[in-house]
Amino acid sequence: MTNPSITKFDQRSAQPVEEDLDGWRKVEGNPTMKRWLQYVSDDGAMRCAWWEGMPGTYHAKYGEAWEFIHLLEGKITITPDGGEPQQVSAGDTFIIEKGFNGTFKIEEKALKVCAFKVK
């Protein structure tokens, strides 16, 4: 095992990646995102990161990954394709299931900490 038993997130200390995530495309406005990868499990299957999104709307395809999210700042309306919109705001904790397809309308600058399984 190369990771320590406990990994503390150091307030976005990693180098940020400013490209949109794979499977995410802009559909309204000009949203932007940054992410700071803080942890990768030894087998590469689990990752944790900070993510910041600026206002606008993305259509997202999650494929085989699911995501655990704690929203620290902002407000986002998430609408599954063919489903009902749900609004999440600062303080909310939730999961996006693998296979999710739908929109993320970032209403206010958002900051989240998240964990996602990629394998």
C-alpha atoms as a PDB file:
ATOM      1  CA  MET A   1       0.000   0.000   0.000  1.00  0.00           C
ATOM      2  CA  THR A   2       1.484   3.358  -1.007  1.00  0.00           C
ATOM      3  CA  ASN A   3      -1.223   5.662   0.363  1.00  0.00           C
ATOM      4  CA  PRO A   4      -1.133   6.577   4.058  1.00  0.00           C
ATOM      5  CA  SER A   5      -3.930   5.284   6.307  1.00  0.00           C
ATOM      6  CA  ILE A   6      -5.419   8.785   6.447  1.00  0.00           C
ATOM      7  CA  THR A   7      -5.318  11.379   3.675  1.00  0.00           C
ATOM      8  CA  LYS A   8      -6.189  14.957   4.634  1.00  0.00           C
ATOM      9  CA  PHE A   9      -7.415  17.317   1.919  1.00  0.00           C
ATOM     10  CA  ASP A  10      -5.294  20.465   1.942  1.00  0.00           C
ATOM     11  CA  GLN A  11      -7.661  23.155   0.642  1.00  0.00           C
ATOM     12  CA  ARG A  12      -7.074  22.625  -3.073  1.00  0.00           C
ATOM     13  CA  SER A  13      -3.292  22.345  -2.802  1.00  0.00           C
ATOM     14  CA  ALA A  14      -2.910  20.221  -5.966  1.00  0.00           C
ATOM     15  CA  GLN A  15      -2.409  21.838  -9.383  1.00  0.00           C
ATOM     16  CA  PRO A  16      -5.896  22.604 -10.803  1.00  0.00           C
ATOM     17  CA  VAL A  17      -7.125  21.080 -14.060  1.00  0.00           C
ATOM     18  CA  GLU A  18      -9.250  23.618 -15.944  1.00  0.00           C
ATOM     19  CA  GLU A  19     -10.542  21.456 -18.817  1.00  0.00           C
ATOM     20  CA  ASP A  20     -14.144  20.260 -18.862  1.00  0.00           C
ATOM     21  CA  LEU A  21     -14.631  16.683 -17.685  1.00  0.00           C
ATOM     22  CA  ASP A  22     -14.976  13.930 -20.283  1.00  0.00           C
ATOM     23  CA  GLY A  23     -18.655  13.485 -21.081  1.00  0.00           C
ATOM     24  CA  TRP A  24     -19.559  17.056 -20.085  1.00  0.00           C
ATOM     25  CA  ARG A  25     -20.518  19.564 -22.792  1.00  0.00           C
ATOM     26  CA  LYS A  26     -21.676  23.158 -22.526  1.00  0.00           C
ATOM     27  CA  VAL A  27     -25.327  23.635 -23.516  1.00  0.00           C
ATOM     28  CA  GLU A  28     -26.172  27.101 -22.130  1.00  0.00           C
ATOM     29  CA  GLY A  29     -23.973  30.069 -21.285  1.00  0.00           C
ATOM     30  CA  ASN A  30     -20.241  29.635 -20.905  1.00  0.00           C
ATOM     31  CA  PRO A  31     -19.732  27.600 -17.724  1.00  0.00           C
ATOM     32  CA  THR A  32     -16.210  26.720 -16.662  1.00  0.00           C
ATOM     33  CA  MET A  33     -14.815  24.254 -14.166  1.00  0.00           C
ATOM     34  CA  LYS A  34     -11.661  23.587 -12.202  1.00  0.00           C
ATOM     35  CA  ARG A  35     -10.780  20.475 -10.264  1.00  0.00           C
ATOM     36  CA  TRP A  36      -8.048  19.598  -7.836  1.00  0.00           C
ATOM     37  CA  LEU A  37      -7.361  15.859  -7.591  1.00  0.00           C
ATOM     38  CA  GLN A  38      -6.460  15.167  -3.959  1.00  0.00           C
ATOM     39  CA  TYR A  39      -6.466  11.376  -3.743  1.00  0.00           C
ATOM     40  CA  VAL A  40      -6.211   8.279  -5.950  1.00  0.00           C
ATOM     41  CA  SER A  41      -6.516   4.818  -4.367  1.00  0.00           C
ATOM     42  CA  ASP A  42      -3.648   2.399  -4.868  1.00  0.00           C
ATOM     43  CA  ASP A  43      -5.655   0.455  -7.475  1.00  0.00           C
ATOM     44  CA  GLY A  44      -6.812   3.659  -9.227  1.00  0.00           C
ATOM     45  CA  ALA A  45     -10.506   2.824  -8.770  1.00  0.00           C
ATOM     46  CA  MET A  46     -11.364   5.522  -6.208  1.00  0.00           C
ATOM     47  CA  ARG A  47     -10.591   9.230  -6.523  1.00  0.00           C
ATOM     48  CA  CYS A  48     -11.377  12.301  -4.455  1.00  0.00           C
ATOM     49  CA  ALA A  49     -11.229  15.919  -5.533  1.00  0.00           C
ATOM     50  CA  TRP A  50     -12.318  19.492  -5.065  1.00  0.00           C
ATOM     51  CA  TRP A  51     -14.424  20.849  -7.972  1.00  0.00           C
ATOM     52  CA  GLU A  52     -15.423  24.434  -8.739  1.00  0.00           C
ATOM     53  CA  GLY A  53     -18.016  25.359 -11.367  1.00  0.00           C
ATOM     54  CA  MET A  54     -19.001  28.771 -12.683  1.00  0.00           C
ATOM     55  CA  PRO A  55     -22.553  29.644 -13.854  1.00  0.00           C
ATOM     56  CA  GLY A  56     -23.995  28.064 -16.983  1.00  0.00           C
ATOM     57  CA  THR A  57     -25.329  24.655 -17.978  1.00  0.00           C
ATOM     58  CA  TYR A  58     -23.538  21.418 -18.826  1.00  0.00           C
ATOM     59  CA  HIS A  59     -25.002  18.180 -20.134  1.00  0.00           C
ATOM     60  CA  ALA A  60     -23.199  15.351 -18.336  1.00  0.00           C
ATOM     61  CA  LYS A  61     -22.807  11.639 -19.055  1.00  0.00           C
ATOM     62  CA  TYR A  62     -21.503   9.617 -16.121  1.00  0.00           C
ATOM     63  CA  GLY A  63     -20.995   6.226 -17.798  1.00  0.00           C
ATOM     64  CA  GLU A  64     -19.709   3.648 -15.312  1.00  0.00           C
ATOM     65  CA  ALA A  65     -18.708   6.100 -12.565  1.00  0.00           C
ATOM     66  CA  TRP A  66     -20.807   7.117  -9.575  1.00  0.00           C
ATOM     67  CA  GLU A  67     -20.064  10.169  -7.446  1.00  0.00           C
ATOM     68  CA  PHE A  68     -20.514  11.135  -3.784  1.00  0.00           C
ATOM     69  CA  ILE A  69     -20.788  14.930  -3.418  1.00  0.00           C
ATOM     70  CA  HIS A  70     -20.820  17.432  -0.576  1.00  0.00           C
ATOM     71  CA  LEU A  71     -21.658  20.888  -1.939  1.00  0.00           C
ATOM     72  CA  LEU A  72     -19.837  23.541   0.081  1.00  0.00           C
ATOM     73  CA  GLU A  73     -20.880  26.656  -1.876  1.00  0.00           C
ATOM     74  CA  GLY A  74     -23.410  27.610  -4.512  1.00  0.00           C
ATOM     75  CA  LYS A  75     -26.593  26.304  -6.043  1.00  0.00           C
ATOM     76  CA  ILE A  76     -27.076  23.778  -8.890  1.00  0.00           C
ATOM     77  CA  THR A  77     -30.214  22.432 -10.556  1.00  0.00           C
ATOM     78  CA  ILE A  78     -29.638  18.835 -11.683  1.00  0.00           C
ATOM     79  CA  THR A  79     -32.100  17.365 -14.181  1.00  0.00           C
ATOM     80  CA  PRO A  80     -31.842  13.744 -15.333  1.00  0.00           C
ATOM     81  CA  ASP A  81     -32.755  13.283 -19.012  1.00  0.00           C
ATOM     82  CA  GLY A  82     -36.530  12.713 -18.985  1.00  0.00           C
ATOM     83  CA  GLY A  83     -36.688  13.328 -15.219  1.00  0.00           C
ATOM     84  CA  GLU A  84     -37.615  16.008 -12.737  1.00  0.00           C
ATOM     85  CA  PRO A  85     -35.161  18.772 -11.771  1.00  0.00           C
ATOM     86  CA  GLN A  86     -33.690  18.749  -8.274  1.00  0.00           C
ATOM     87  CA  GLN A  87     -32.018  21.758  -6.750  1.00  0.00           C
ATOM     88  CA  VAL A  88     -29.013  21.303  -4.479  1.00  0.00           C
ATOM     89  CA  SER A  89     -27.351  24.063  -2.525  1.00  0.00           C
ATOM     90  CA  ALA A  90     -24.513  24.687  -0.083  1.00  0.00           C
ATOM     91  CA  GLY A  91     -24.566  22.109   2.696  1.00  0.00           C
ATOM     92  CA  ASP A  92     -26.291  19.364   0.677  1.00  0.00           C
ATOM     93  CA  THR A  93     -24.721  15.912   0.407  1.00  0.00           C
ATOM     94  CA  PHE A  94     -25.850  13.511  -2.329  1.00  0.00           C
ATOM     95  CA  ILE A  95     -24.898  10.765  -4.795  1.00  0.00           C
ATOM     96  CA  ILE A  96     -25.074  10.746  -8.587  1.00  0.00           C
ATOM     97  CA  GLU A  97     -25.546   7.145  -9.763  1.00  0.00           C
ATOM     98  CA  LYS A  98     -23.491   5.564 -12.523  1.00  0.00           C
ATOM     99  CA  GLY A  99     -25.206   5.852 -15.882  1.00  0.00           C
ATOM    100  CA  PHE A 100     -26.612   9.317 -15.093  1.00  0.00           C
ATOM    101  CA  ASN A 101     -27.269  11.488 -18.148  1.00  0.00           C
ATOM    102  CA  GLY A 102     -28.670  14.971 -17.661  1.00  0.00           C
ATOM    103  CA  THR A 103     -27.988  18.637 -17.074  1.00  0.00           C
ATOM    104  CA  PHE A 104     -26.202  20.527 -14.341  1.00  0.00           C
ATOM    105  CA  LYS A 105     -27.372  24.146 -14.337  1.00  0.00           C
ATOM    106  CA  ILE A 106     -24.910  25.990 -12.138  1.00  0.00           C
ATOM    107  CA  GLU A 107     -27.004  28.849 -10.742  1.00  0.00           C
ATOM    108  CA  GLU A 108     -24.310  30.283  -8.467  1.00  0.00           C
ATOM    109  CA  LYS A 109     -20.572  29.606  -8.330  1.00  0.00           C
ATOM    110  CA  ALA A 110     -20.309  26.119  -6.865  1.00  0.00           C
ATOM    111  CA  LEU A 111     -17.614  24.393  -4.847  1.00  0.00           C
ATOM    112  CA  LYS A 112     -17.857  20.724  -3.944  1.00  0.00           C
ATOM    113  CA  VAL A 113     -15.707  18.012  -2.486  1.00  0.00           C
ATOM    114  CA  CYS A 114     -16.384  14.668  -4.123  1.00  0.00           C
ATOM    115  CA  ALA A 115     -15.400  11.019  -4.214  1.00  0.00           C
ATOM    116  CA  PHE A 116     -15.955   8.891  -7.275  1.00  0.00           C
ATOM    117  CA  LYS A 117     -15.429   5.309  -8.263  1.00  0.00           C
ATOM    118  CA  VAL A 118     -14.048   4.956 -11.780  1.00  0.00           C
ATOM    119  CA  LYS A 119     -13.562   1.170 -12.114  1.00  0.00           C
END
